[in-house]
N, C-alpha and C. Protein backbone atom coordinates (compact mmCIF):
# COMPACT_ATOMS: atom_id res chain seq x y z
N MET A 1 14.69 -23.07 8.33
CA MET A 1 13.28 -22.90 8.06
C MET A 1 12.81 -21.58 8.66
N ALA A 2 12.05 -20.84 7.90
CA ALA A 2 11.55 -19.54 8.37
C ALA A 2 10.43 -19.74 9.39
N THR A 3 10.39 -18.84 10.36
CA THR A 3 9.29 -18.85 11.33
C THR A 3 8.04 -18.27 10.68
N ASP A 4 6.89 -18.47 11.31
CA ASP A 4 5.66 -17.88 10.79
C ASP A 4 5.76 -16.36 10.77
N ALA A 5 6.37 -15.77 11.78
CA ALA A 5 6.53 -14.30 11.82
C ALA A 5 7.41 -13.83 10.67
N GLN A 6 8.50 -14.53 10.41
CA GLN A 6 9.37 -14.17 9.28
C GLN A 6 8.64 -14.31 7.96
N ARG A 7 7.87 -15.36 7.82
CA ARG A 7 7.11 -15.58 6.59
C ARG A 7 6.05 -14.50 6.41
N ALA A 8 5.38 -14.10 7.50
CA ALA A 8 4.37 -13.04 7.44
C ALA A 8 5.01 -11.73 6.99
N CYS A 9 6.19 -11.43 7.50
CA CYS A 9 6.90 -10.20 7.10
C CYS A 9 7.32 -10.28 5.63
N PHE A 10 7.77 -11.44 5.20
CA PHE A 10 8.12 -11.65 3.80
C PHE A 10 6.90 -11.41 2.91
N GLU A 11 5.75 -11.96 3.31
CA GLU A 11 4.52 -11.78 2.55
C GLU A 11 4.15 -10.30 2.45
N ALA A 12 4.36 -9.56 3.53
CA ALA A 12 4.09 -8.11 3.50
C ALA A 12 4.98 -7.43 2.47
N GLY A 13 6.24 -7.80 2.43
CA GLY A 13 7.16 -7.22 1.46
C GLY A 13 6.76 -7.53 0.03
N ILE A 14 6.31 -8.75 -0.21
CA ILE A 14 5.85 -9.15 -1.53
C ILE A 14 4.66 -8.28 -1.95
N LYS A 15 3.73 -8.06 -1.02
CA LYS A 15 2.55 -7.26 -1.34
C LYS A 15 2.93 -5.82 -1.66
N PHE A 16 3.84 -5.25 -0.88
CA PHE A 16 4.27 -3.87 -1.16
C PHE A 16 4.99 -3.78 -2.50
N GLY A 17 5.86 -4.72 -2.77
CA GLY A 17 6.56 -4.71 -4.05
C GLY A 17 5.58 -4.81 -5.22
N SER A 18 4.60 -5.66 -5.08
CA SER A 18 3.60 -5.82 -6.12
C SER A 18 2.79 -4.54 -6.29
N LEU A 19 2.32 -3.97 -5.20
CA LEU A 19 1.52 -2.75 -5.26
C LEU A 19 2.32 -1.62 -5.90
N TYR A 20 3.51 -1.41 -5.41
CA TYR A 20 4.29 -0.27 -5.88
C TYR A 20 4.66 -0.42 -7.36
N HIS A 21 5.18 -1.55 -7.72
CA HIS A 21 5.69 -1.70 -9.08
C HIS A 21 4.61 -1.98 -10.11
N GLN A 22 3.49 -2.49 -9.66
CA GLN A 22 2.37 -2.71 -10.59
C GLN A 22 1.70 -1.39 -10.95
N PHE A 23 1.61 -0.45 -10.00
CA PHE A 23 0.83 0.75 -10.22
C PHE A 23 1.66 2.02 -10.43
N ALA A 24 2.95 2.01 -10.11
CA ALA A 24 3.78 3.19 -10.37
C ALA A 24 3.72 3.51 -11.85
N GLY A 25 3.50 4.77 -12.15
CA GLY A 25 3.43 5.21 -13.53
C GLY A 25 2.02 5.28 -14.08
N THR A 26 1.04 4.78 -13.32
CA THR A 26 -0.35 4.85 -13.76
C THR A 26 -0.79 6.31 -13.83
N PRO A 27 -1.42 6.73 -14.91
CA PRO A 27 -1.93 8.10 -14.96
C PRO A 27 -2.97 8.32 -13.86
N VAL A 28 -2.86 9.47 -13.16
CA VAL A 28 -3.79 9.77 -12.08
C VAL A 28 -4.08 11.27 -12.06
N SER A 29 -5.30 11.58 -11.70
CA SER A 29 -5.74 12.96 -11.50
C SER A 29 -6.61 12.96 -10.25
N PRO A 30 -6.92 14.11 -9.68
CA PRO A 30 -7.84 14.11 -8.54
C PRO A 30 -9.18 13.43 -8.87
N GLU A 31 -9.62 13.54 -10.10
CA GLU A 31 -10.89 12.93 -10.50
C GLU A 31 -10.83 11.41 -10.55
N SER A 32 -9.67 10.84 -10.82
CA SER A 32 -9.55 9.39 -10.93
C SER A 32 -8.94 8.74 -9.69
N ALA A 33 -8.53 9.54 -8.73
CA ALA A 33 -7.80 9.00 -7.56
C ALA A 33 -8.61 8.00 -6.76
N ARG A 34 -9.90 8.27 -6.52
CA ARG A 34 -10.70 7.35 -5.69
C ARG A 34 -10.82 5.98 -6.35
N SER A 35 -11.10 5.96 -7.65
CA SER A 35 -11.24 4.66 -8.31
C SER A 35 -9.91 3.92 -8.37
N LEU A 36 -8.81 4.65 -8.49
CA LEU A 36 -7.49 4.01 -8.48
C LEU A 36 -7.18 3.45 -7.10
N GLU A 37 -7.53 4.17 -6.04
CA GLU A 37 -7.34 3.65 -4.67
C GLU A 37 -8.04 2.30 -4.51
N VAL A 38 -9.29 2.24 -4.95
CA VAL A 38 -10.07 1.00 -4.82
C VAL A 38 -9.45 -0.11 -5.65
N ALA A 39 -9.09 0.20 -6.89
CA ALA A 39 -8.50 -0.82 -7.76
C ALA A 39 -7.21 -1.37 -7.16
N MET A 40 -6.37 -0.51 -6.62
CA MET A 40 -5.10 -0.95 -6.03
C MET A 40 -5.36 -1.84 -4.83
N ALA A 41 -6.23 -1.40 -3.93
CA ALA A 41 -6.51 -2.17 -2.72
C ALA A 41 -7.11 -3.53 -3.08
N GLU A 42 -8.08 -3.55 -3.97
CA GLU A 42 -8.72 -4.81 -4.32
C GLU A 42 -7.77 -5.76 -5.04
N ALA A 43 -6.88 -5.23 -5.87
CA ALA A 43 -5.92 -6.08 -6.56
C ALA A 43 -4.97 -6.77 -5.56
N ILE A 44 -4.47 -6.02 -4.61
CA ILE A 44 -3.52 -6.58 -3.64
C ILE A 44 -4.24 -7.51 -2.67
N GLU A 45 -5.47 -7.19 -2.29
CA GLU A 45 -6.23 -8.05 -1.38
C GLU A 45 -6.50 -9.43 -1.97
N ASN A 46 -6.41 -9.57 -3.29
CA ASN A 46 -6.57 -10.89 -3.91
C ASN A 46 -5.43 -11.83 -3.58
N GLN A 47 -4.29 -11.32 -3.17
CA GLN A 47 -3.12 -12.15 -2.92
C GLN A 47 -3.27 -12.94 -1.62
N PRO A 48 -2.64 -14.10 -1.57
CA PRO A 48 -2.73 -14.93 -0.36
C PRO A 48 -2.25 -14.19 0.88
N PHE A 49 -2.92 -14.45 1.99
CA PHE A 49 -2.57 -13.96 3.33
C PHE A 49 -2.82 -12.46 3.51
N CYS A 50 -3.39 -11.80 2.54
CA CYS A 50 -3.65 -10.36 2.66
C CYS A 50 -5.01 -10.17 3.31
N ALA A 51 -5.03 -9.63 4.53
CA ALA A 51 -6.27 -9.42 5.26
C ALA A 51 -6.95 -8.11 4.87
N SER A 52 -6.17 -7.05 4.65
CA SER A 52 -6.75 -5.77 4.27
C SER A 52 -5.68 -4.86 3.68
N VAL A 53 -6.16 -3.93 2.85
CA VAL A 53 -5.30 -2.91 2.24
C VAL A 53 -6.08 -1.61 2.21
N SER A 54 -5.42 -0.53 2.58
CA SER A 54 -6.00 0.80 2.48
C SER A 54 -5.02 1.68 1.71
N VAL A 55 -5.52 2.31 0.64
CA VAL A 55 -4.70 3.20 -0.17
C VAL A 55 -5.33 4.59 -0.12
N GLU A 56 -4.53 5.59 0.19
CA GLU A 56 -4.98 6.97 0.16
C GLU A 56 -4.08 7.76 -0.79
N ILE A 57 -4.66 8.22 -1.89
CA ILE A 57 -3.95 9.08 -2.83
C ILE A 57 -4.32 10.51 -2.47
N HIS A 58 -3.33 11.33 -2.21
CA HIS A 58 -3.56 12.70 -1.73
C HIS A 58 -3.80 13.64 -2.91
N ASP A 59 -5.01 14.16 -2.99
CA ASP A 59 -5.38 15.03 -4.11
C ASP A 59 -4.47 16.25 -4.21
N ASP A 60 -4.10 16.83 -3.07
CA ASP A 60 -3.25 18.02 -3.11
C ASP A 60 -1.88 17.70 -3.70
N ARG A 61 -1.33 16.55 -3.38
CA ARG A 61 -0.04 16.15 -3.94
C ARG A 61 -0.16 15.86 -5.44
N VAL A 62 -1.27 15.21 -5.82
CA VAL A 62 -1.51 14.94 -7.23
C VAL A 62 -1.62 16.25 -8.00
N GLU A 63 -2.41 17.17 -7.48
CA GLU A 63 -2.61 18.47 -8.14
C GLU A 63 -1.28 19.20 -8.32
N ASP A 64 -0.44 19.15 -7.28
CA ASP A 64 0.87 19.82 -7.36
C ASP A 64 1.79 19.18 -8.40
N ALA A 65 1.60 17.88 -8.65
CA ALA A 65 2.48 17.16 -9.59
C ALA A 65 1.98 17.20 -11.03
N ILE A 66 0.76 17.67 -11.23
CA ILE A 66 0.18 17.65 -12.57
C ILE A 66 0.87 18.63 -13.50
N ASP A 67 1.17 18.13 -14.71
CA ASP A 67 1.57 18.99 -15.82
C ASP A 67 0.26 19.46 -16.42
N HIS A 68 -0.09 20.69 -16.18
CA HIS A 68 -1.44 21.14 -16.52
C HIS A 68 -1.74 21.13 -18.02
N ALA A 69 -0.76 20.91 -18.83
CA ALA A 69 -1.03 20.72 -20.26
C ALA A 69 -1.70 19.37 -20.49
N ASN A 70 -1.47 18.41 -19.56
CA ASN A 70 -2.02 17.06 -19.71
C ASN A 70 -3.15 16.75 -18.74
N ASP A 71 -3.32 17.53 -17.69
CA ASP A 71 -4.36 17.32 -16.68
C ASP A 71 -4.23 16.03 -15.88
N TYR A 72 -3.06 15.42 -15.86
CA TYR A 72 -2.81 14.25 -15.03
C TYR A 72 -1.33 14.17 -14.73
N THR A 73 -0.98 13.27 -13.83
CA THR A 73 0.42 12.97 -13.56
C THR A 73 0.56 11.47 -13.44
N GLU A 74 1.78 10.99 -13.27
CA GLU A 74 2.01 9.57 -13.07
C GLU A 74 2.07 9.28 -11.58
N LEU A 75 1.43 8.19 -11.17
CA LEU A 75 1.42 7.81 -9.76
C LEU A 75 2.83 7.44 -9.30
N THR A 76 3.22 7.99 -8.18
CA THR A 76 4.48 7.65 -7.52
C THR A 76 4.19 7.45 -6.03
N GLY A 77 5.13 6.90 -5.33
CA GLY A 77 4.97 6.70 -3.89
C GLY A 77 4.78 7.99 -3.12
N SER A 78 5.26 9.08 -3.66
CA SER A 78 5.13 10.37 -2.97
C SER A 78 3.71 10.89 -2.96
N LEU A 79 2.83 10.31 -3.74
CA LEU A 79 1.46 10.79 -3.85
C LEU A 79 0.48 10.03 -2.98
N MET A 80 0.94 8.97 -2.30
CA MET A 80 0.00 8.11 -1.58
C MET A 80 0.55 7.60 -0.26
N ASP A 81 -0.38 7.19 0.59
CA ASP A 81 -0.08 6.46 1.81
C ASP A 81 -0.82 5.13 1.71
N VAL A 82 -0.21 4.08 2.21
CA VAL A 82 -0.79 2.74 2.13
C VAL A 82 -0.64 2.05 3.48
N GLU A 83 -1.68 1.34 3.89
CA GLU A 83 -1.61 0.47 5.06
C GLU A 83 -2.05 -0.92 4.63
N MET A 84 -1.36 -1.94 5.15
CA MET A 84 -1.71 -3.32 4.85
C MET A 84 -1.68 -4.15 6.12
N ARG A 85 -2.55 -5.13 6.14
CA ARG A 85 -2.53 -6.13 7.21
C ARG A 85 -2.40 -7.50 6.56
N ILE A 86 -1.42 -8.25 6.99
CA ILE A 86 -1.15 -9.60 6.51
C ILE A 86 -1.43 -10.56 7.67
N ASP A 87 -2.08 -11.69 7.36
CA ASP A 87 -2.33 -12.72 8.37
C ASP A 87 -1.80 -14.03 7.82
N TYR A 88 -0.66 -14.45 8.34
CA TYR A 88 -0.05 -15.70 7.92
C TYR A 88 -0.11 -16.68 9.07
N ASP A 89 -1.01 -17.64 8.98
CA ASP A 89 -1.17 -18.68 10.01
C ASP A 89 -1.26 -18.10 11.42
N GLY A 90 -2.04 -17.04 11.57
CA GLY A 90 -2.26 -16.45 12.89
C GLY A 90 -1.26 -15.41 13.30
N VAL A 91 -0.22 -15.16 12.50
CA VAL A 91 0.69 -14.06 12.76
C VAL A 91 0.20 -12.87 11.95
N VAL A 92 -0.14 -11.79 12.64
CA VAL A 92 -0.70 -10.62 11.99
C VAL A 92 0.39 -9.54 11.90
N VAL A 93 0.62 -9.07 10.68
CA VAL A 93 1.63 -8.05 10.43
C VAL A 93 0.91 -6.81 9.90
N ASP A 94 1.10 -5.70 10.59
CA ASP A 94 0.59 -4.41 10.13
C ASP A 94 1.76 -3.63 9.54
N THR A 95 1.52 -3.05 8.36
CA THR A 95 2.56 -2.31 7.66
C THR A 95 1.99 -0.99 7.16
N ARG A 96 2.88 -0.11 6.74
CA ARG A 96 2.44 1.13 6.10
C ARG A 96 3.54 1.65 5.20
N MET A 97 3.10 2.47 4.25
CA MET A 97 4.01 3.24 3.41
C MET A 97 3.55 4.68 3.52
N GLU A 98 4.47 5.55 3.90
CA GLU A 98 4.16 6.97 3.99
C GLU A 98 5.44 7.75 3.72
N MET A 99 5.26 9.01 3.41
CA MET A 99 6.42 9.85 3.13
C MET A 99 7.19 10.15 4.42
N VAL A 100 8.48 9.88 4.39
CA VAL A 100 9.38 10.19 5.50
C VAL A 100 10.61 10.85 4.90
N ASP A 101 10.83 12.10 5.27
CA ASP A 101 11.98 12.85 4.75
C ASP A 101 12.06 12.81 3.22
N GLY A 102 10.92 12.96 2.56
CA GLY A 102 10.89 13.01 1.11
C GLY A 102 10.97 11.68 0.41
N TYR A 103 10.83 10.57 1.15
CA TYR A 103 10.96 9.23 0.58
C TYR A 103 9.74 8.41 0.98
N PRO A 104 9.14 7.64 0.04
CA PRO A 104 8.01 6.78 0.40
C PRO A 104 8.51 5.53 1.13
N LEU A 105 8.53 5.60 2.45
CA LEU A 105 9.10 4.54 3.29
C LEU A 105 8.06 3.46 3.56
N MET A 106 8.42 2.22 3.28
CA MET A 106 7.59 1.06 3.61
C MET A 106 8.16 0.46 4.88
N GLU A 107 7.28 0.25 5.88
CA GLU A 107 7.80 -0.24 7.15
C GLU A 107 6.82 -1.16 7.85
N LEU A 108 7.37 -2.00 8.72
CA LEU A 108 6.56 -2.83 9.61
C LEU A 108 6.11 -1.96 10.77
N VAL A 109 4.84 -2.01 11.09
CA VAL A 109 4.30 -1.29 12.25
C VAL A 109 4.24 -2.23 13.44
N SER A 110 3.76 -3.47 13.22
CA SER A 110 3.70 -4.45 14.30
C SER A 110 3.67 -5.85 13.73
N VAL A 111 4.14 -6.78 14.53
CA VAL A 111 4.11 -8.20 14.22
C VAL A 111 3.62 -8.89 15.48
N ALA A 112 2.48 -9.59 15.39
CA ALA A 112 1.91 -10.18 16.60
C ALA A 112 1.13 -11.44 16.27
N GLU A 113 1.10 -12.35 17.23
CA GLU A 113 0.20 -13.50 17.14
C GLU A 113 -1.19 -12.95 17.38
N GLY A 114 -2.15 -13.38 16.59
CA GLY A 114 -3.50 -12.90 16.86
C GLY A 114 -4.43 -13.02 15.69
N ASP A 115 -5.49 -12.27 15.79
CA ASP A 115 -6.59 -12.30 14.85
C ASP A 115 -6.54 -11.08 13.95
N ALA A 116 -6.57 -11.29 12.64
CA ALA A 116 -6.51 -10.17 11.69
C ALA A 116 -7.70 -9.24 11.79
N ASP A 117 -8.79 -9.68 12.43
CA ASP A 117 -9.97 -8.82 12.57
C ASP A 117 -9.87 -7.90 13.77
N ARG A 118 -8.82 -8.03 14.56
CA ARG A 118 -8.69 -7.17 15.73
C ARG A 118 -8.40 -5.73 15.30
N ASP A 119 -8.59 -4.79 16.17
CA ASP A 119 -8.28 -3.38 15.86
C ASP A 119 -6.78 -3.21 15.81
N GLY A 120 -6.33 -2.30 14.87
CA GLY A 120 -4.92 -2.08 14.65
C GLY A 120 -4.27 -1.49 15.81
């Protein structure tokens, strides 16, 4: 049987997989980035045990990736940073996805018993 901490970490992985694979390939431009950030965060926050999601799409990275004949690019992990907090039965898991050595790395930041409303 999985512990609550293991289950909380599993839930974090499910949320990242859903976020990444649901939105990868979405057309994005600097003009649409803010609304896409909100849509992504709100979609994932609907899932069970998800306390919060923060998505930051970097306009400079988007601009660099744009094929200027089309004025947009496809969303990839290299264009954004994501933070999530999962609360599974009082076990709070903080996670993030950020670029590390050219790769969008998803990682656990902390796993602790506690309140999801506490400061990170």
